[in-house]
Amino acid sequence: IYTPSFAAAGQLEDITDWAKSLPYFASLSPAHVKTGTYKDHIYGLPFSADASVLIWNKKLFKQAGLDPEKGPTNWAEIEADA
């Protein structure tokens, strides 16, 4: 979140070359890498991804015969509702 401000102030180390040399770099989410990038230089990498918020389309739930007021609360329910 603060990458642009800190990078512009010279408070971060450019880790672009090191990051791109990691064997798993290509498998990282581009959106997550972007949060640690400023002016095409990488200053930070993600260490986890989170899916703590779930939004569902109540209209589509109703059309599918599901309770539109009760969204899924775990992956098993998401799979069952699909």
N, C-alpha and C. Protein backbone atom coordinates (compact mmCIF):
# COMPACT_ATOMS: atom_id res chain seq x y z
N ILE A 1 0.83 -1.19 0.00
CA ILE A 1 0.00 0.00 0.00
C ILE A 1 0.87 1.25 0.00
N TYR A 2 1.95 1.23 0.75
CA TYR A 2 2.79 2.42 0.84
C TYR A 2 4.01 2.37 -0.07
N THR A 3 4.08 1.36 -0.92
CA THR A 3 5.25 1.20 -1.78
C THR A 3 5.60 2.46 -2.56
N PRO A 4 4.67 3.11 -3.26
CA PRO A 4 5.05 4.31 -4.01
C PRO A 4 5.65 5.41 -3.14
N SER A 5 5.05 5.67 -2.00
CA SER A 5 5.55 6.73 -1.12
C SER A 5 6.94 6.40 -0.59
N PHE A 6 7.11 5.18 -0.09
CA PHE A 6 8.40 4.80 0.47
C PHE A 6 9.48 4.71 -0.60
N ALA A 7 9.14 4.18 -1.78
CA ALA A 7 10.12 4.07 -2.86
C ALA A 7 10.53 5.45 -3.34
N ALA A 8 9.58 6.35 -3.52
CA ALA A 8 9.89 7.71 -3.98
C ALA A 8 10.77 8.44 -2.98
N ALA A 9 10.65 8.09 -1.71
CA ALA A 9 11.47 8.73 -0.66
C ALA A 9 12.82 8.04 -0.50
N GLY A 10 13.09 7.00 -1.30
CA GLY A 10 14.37 6.30 -1.22
C GLY A 10 14.50 5.41 -0.01
N GLN A 11 13.38 4.98 0.56
CA GLN A 11 13.41 4.18 1.78
C GLN A 11 13.33 2.68 1.53
N LEU A 12 13.27 2.28 0.26
CA LEU A 12 13.17 0.85 -0.06
C LEU A 12 14.30 0.44 -0.99
N GLU A 13 14.67 -0.83 -0.92
CA GLU A 13 15.70 -1.41 -1.77
C GLU A 13 15.06 -2.00 -3.02
N ASP A 14 15.60 -1.72 -4.16
CA ASP A 14 15.12 -2.31 -5.42
C ASP A 14 15.55 -3.77 -5.47
N ILE A 15 14.58 -4.68 -5.48
CA ILE A 15 14.88 -6.12 -5.50
C ILE A 15 14.46 -6.77 -6.82
N THR A 16 14.31 -5.97 -7.86
CA THR A 16 13.82 -6.47 -9.14
C THR A 16 14.62 -7.66 -9.66
N ASP A 17 15.93 -7.52 -9.77
CA ASP A 17 16.76 -8.60 -10.32
C ASP A 17 16.66 -9.86 -9.46
N TRP A 18 16.74 -9.70 -8.15
CA TRP A 18 16.65 -10.85 -7.25
C TRP A 18 15.29 -11.51 -7.37
N ALA A 19 14.22 -10.71 -7.36
CA ALA A 19 12.86 -11.26 -7.43
C ALA A 19 12.66 -12.05 -8.71
N LYS A 20 13.09 -11.49 -9.83
CA LYS A 20 12.89 -12.17 -11.11
C LYS A 20 13.74 -13.42 -11.26
N SER A 21 14.78 -13.56 -10.43
CA SER A 21 15.62 -14.76 -10.49
C SER A 21 15.04 -15.92 -9.67
N LEU A 22 14.02 -15.66 -8.88
CA LEU A 22 13.42 -16.72 -8.07
C LEU A 22 12.75 -17.75 -8.98
N PRO A 23 12.93 -19.04 -8.70
CA PRO A 23 12.37 -20.07 -9.58
C PRO A 23 10.84 -20.04 -9.64
N TYR A 24 10.19 -19.47 -8.65
CA TYR A 24 8.73 -19.44 -8.62
C TYR A 24 8.15 -18.07 -8.97
N PHE A 25 9.00 -17.13 -9.39
CA PHE A 25 8.52 -15.77 -9.66
C PHE A 25 7.38 -15.75 -10.67
N ALA A 26 7.48 -16.52 -11.73
CA ALA A 26 6.45 -16.52 -12.78
C ALA A 26 5.10 -17.02 -12.27
N SER A 27 5.10 -17.75 -11.17
CA SER A 27 3.84 -18.28 -10.64
C SER A 27 3.16 -17.33 -9.65
N LEU A 28 3.83 -16.23 -9.30
CA LEU A 28 3.23 -15.26 -8.39
C LEU A 28 2.12 -14.49 -9.11
N SER A 29 1.12 -14.13 -8.37
CA SER A 29 0.01 -13.35 -8.92
C SER A 29 0.51 -11.98 -9.37
N PRO A 30 0.35 -11.63 -10.65
CA PRO A 30 0.79 -10.31 -11.12
C PRO A 30 0.16 -9.16 -10.32
N ALA A 31 -1.09 -9.32 -9.92
CA ALA A 31 -1.75 -8.27 -9.14
C ALA A 31 -1.08 -8.08 -7.79
N HIS A 32 -0.63 -9.18 -7.17
CA HIS A 32 0.05 -9.07 -5.88
C HIS A 32 1.45 -8.48 -6.04
N VAL A 33 2.15 -8.89 -7.10
CA VAL A 33 3.48 -8.33 -7.35
C VAL A 33 3.36 -6.83 -7.61
N LYS A 34 2.31 -6.43 -8.29
CA LYS A 34 2.11 -5.02 -8.62
C LYS A 34 2.02 -4.15 -7.36
N THR A 35 1.49 -4.69 -6.27
CA THR A 35 1.38 -3.88 -5.04
C THR A 35 2.75 -3.52 -4.47
N GLY A 36 3.76 -4.30 -4.80
CA GLY A 36 5.11 -4.02 -4.33
C GLY A 36 6.00 -3.40 -5.40
N THR A 37 5.38 -2.93 -6.49
CA THR A 37 6.13 -2.38 -7.62
C THR A 37 5.86 -0.89 -7.77
N TYR A 38 6.92 -0.15 -8.10
CA TYR A 38 6.80 1.29 -8.33
C TYR A 38 7.71 1.66 -9.49
N LYS A 39 7.16 2.31 -10.50
CA LYS A 39 7.91 2.71 -11.69
C LYS A 39 8.73 1.55 -12.26
N ASP A 40 8.09 0.41 -12.42
CA ASP A 40 8.68 -0.80 -13.01
C ASP A 40 9.82 -1.40 -12.20
N HIS A 41 9.94 -1.05 -10.94
CA HIS A 41 10.94 -1.65 -10.05
C HIS A 41 10.20 -2.35 -8.92
N ILE A 42 10.65 -3.54 -8.59
CA ILE A 42 10.01 -4.32 -7.53
C ILE A 42 10.70 -4.02 -6.21
N TYR A 43 9.91 -3.67 -5.21
CA TYR A 43 10.42 -3.37 -3.88
C TYR A 43 9.90 -4.33 -2.81
N GLY A 44 8.91 -5.12 -3.17
CA GLY A 44 8.35 -6.08 -2.22
C GLY A 44 7.58 -7.16 -2.95
N LEU A 45 7.51 -8.34 -2.33
CA LEU A 45 6.78 -9.47 -2.91
C LEU A 45 5.74 -9.97 -1.92
N PRO A 46 4.65 -10.54 -2.42
CA PRO A 46 3.63 -11.09 -1.52
C PRO A 46 4.15 -12.36 -0.85
N PHE A 47 3.68 -12.59 0.37
CA PHE A 47 4.04 -13.85 1.03
C PHE A 47 2.80 -14.69 1.31
N SER A 48 1.64 -14.14 1.07
CA SER A 48 0.41 -14.92 1.20
C SER A 48 -0.71 -14.22 0.43
N ALA A 49 -1.73 -14.98 0.13
CA ALA A 49 -2.93 -14.42 -0.49
C ALA A 49 -4.10 -14.77 0.41
N ASP A 50 -5.09 -13.93 0.44
CA ASP A 50 -6.19 -14.09 1.37
C ASP A 50 -7.52 -13.99 0.64
N ALA A 51 -8.43 -14.83 1.00
CA ALA A 51 -9.79 -14.76 0.45
C ALA A 51 -10.78 -14.67 1.60
N SER A 52 -10.59 -13.68 2.45
CA SER A 52 -11.41 -13.58 3.66
C SER A 52 -12.76 -12.94 3.41
N VAL A 53 -12.99 -12.43 2.21
CA VAL A 53 -14.27 -11.82 1.88
C VAL A 53 -14.87 -12.55 0.69
N LEU A 54 -16.15 -12.85 0.78
CA LEU A 54 -16.83 -13.52 -0.32
C LEU A 54 -18.08 -12.74 -0.66
N ILE A 55 -18.26 -12.46 -1.93
CA ILE A 55 -19.44 -11.74 -2.40
C ILE A 55 -20.17 -12.66 -3.37
N TRP A 56 -21.48 -12.77 -3.23
CA TRP A 56 -22.26 -13.60 -4.14
C TRP A 56 -23.39 -12.79 -4.74
N ASN A 57 -23.83 -13.21 -5.92
CA ASN A 57 -24.89 -12.53 -6.66
C ASN A 57 -26.23 -13.13 -6.22
N LYS A 58 -26.99 -12.36 -5.44
CA LYS A 58 -28.26 -12.87 -4.90
C LYS A 58 -29.26 -13.21 -6.00
N LYS A 59 -29.26 -12.44 -7.07
CA LYS A 59 -30.18 -12.71 -8.17
C LYS A 59 -29.88 -14.07 -8.81
N LEU A 60 -28.59 -14.35 -9.03
CA LEU A 60 -28.21 -15.64 -9.62
C LEU A 60 -28.46 -16.79 -8.65
N PHE A 61 -28.26 -16.54 -7.35
CA PHE A 61 -28.56 -17.59 -6.37
C PHE A 61 -30.04 -17.95 -6.43
N LYS A 62 -30.90 -16.93 -6.48
CA LYS A 62 -32.34 -17.17 -6.53
C LYS A 62 -32.71 -17.93 -7.81
N GLN A 63 -32.13 -17.53 -8.94
CA GLN A 63 -32.40 -18.20 -10.21
C GLN A 63 -31.98 -19.67 -10.17
N ALA A 64 -30.96 -19.97 -9.39
CA ALA A 64 -30.46 -21.35 -9.29
C ALA A 64 -31.21 -22.16 -8.23
N GLY A 65 -32.20 -21.52 -7.58
CA GLY A 65 -32.97 -22.23 -6.56
C GLY A 65 -32.29 -22.25 -5.21
N LEU A 66 -31.30 -21.40 -5.01
CA LEU A 66 -30.59 -21.31 -3.74
C LEU A 66 -31.15 -20.15 -2.93
N ASP A 67 -30.93 -20.18 -1.64
CA ASP A 67 -31.37 -19.09 -0.76
C ASP A 67 -30.48 -17.87 -1.00
N PRO A 68 -31.02 -16.80 -1.59
CA PRO A 68 -30.19 -15.64 -1.91
C PRO A 68 -29.69 -14.88 -0.67
N GLU A 69 -30.29 -15.14 0.47
CA GLU A 69 -29.88 -14.45 1.70
C GLU A 69 -28.83 -15.24 2.48
N LYS A 70 -28.51 -16.43 2.02
CA LYS A 70 -27.53 -17.26 2.73
C LYS A 70 -26.44 -17.69 1.74
N GLY A 71 -25.38 -16.93 1.69
CA GLY A 71 -24.26 -17.27 0.82
C GLY A 71 -23.43 -18.39 1.42
N PRO A 72 -22.56 -18.97 0.63
CA PRO A 72 -21.70 -20.05 1.12
C PRO A 72 -20.72 -19.53 2.17
N THR A 73 -20.38 -20.40 3.11
CA THR A 73 -19.45 -20.02 4.19
C THR A 73 -18.14 -20.79 4.16
N ASN A 74 -18.02 -21.75 3.22
CA ASN A 74 -16.77 -22.50 3.10
C ASN A 74 -16.65 -23.04 1.68
N TRP A 75 -15.48 -23.60 1.34
CA TRP A 75 -15.25 -24.07 -0.02
C TRP A 75 -16.19 -25.20 -0.42
N ALA A 76 -16.53 -26.07 0.51
CA ALA A 76 -17.44 -27.17 0.20
C ALA A 76 -18.80 -26.62 -0.24
N GLU A 77 -19.29 -25.58 0.43
CA GLU A 77 -20.56 -24.97 0.05
C GLU A 77 -20.45 -24.26 -1.30
N ILE A 78 -19.33 -23.63 -1.56
CA ILE A 78 -19.12 -22.98 -2.86
C ILE A 78 -19.20 -24.02 -3.97
N GLU A 79 -18.52 -25.15 -3.78
CA GLU A 79 -18.55 -26.22 -4.78
C GLU A 79 -19.95 -26.79 -4.94
N ALA A 80 -20.66 -26.98 -3.84
CA ALA A 80 -22.01 -27.53 -3.91
C ALA A 80 -22.96 -26.57 -4.62
N ASP A 81 -22.82 -25.28 -4.35
CA ASP A 81 -23.68 -24.28 -4.98
C ASP A 81 -23.39 -24.11 -6.46
N ALA A 82 -22.16 -24.41 -6.86
CA ALA A 82 -21.79 -24.26 -8.27
C ALA A 82 -22.50 -25.29 -9.10
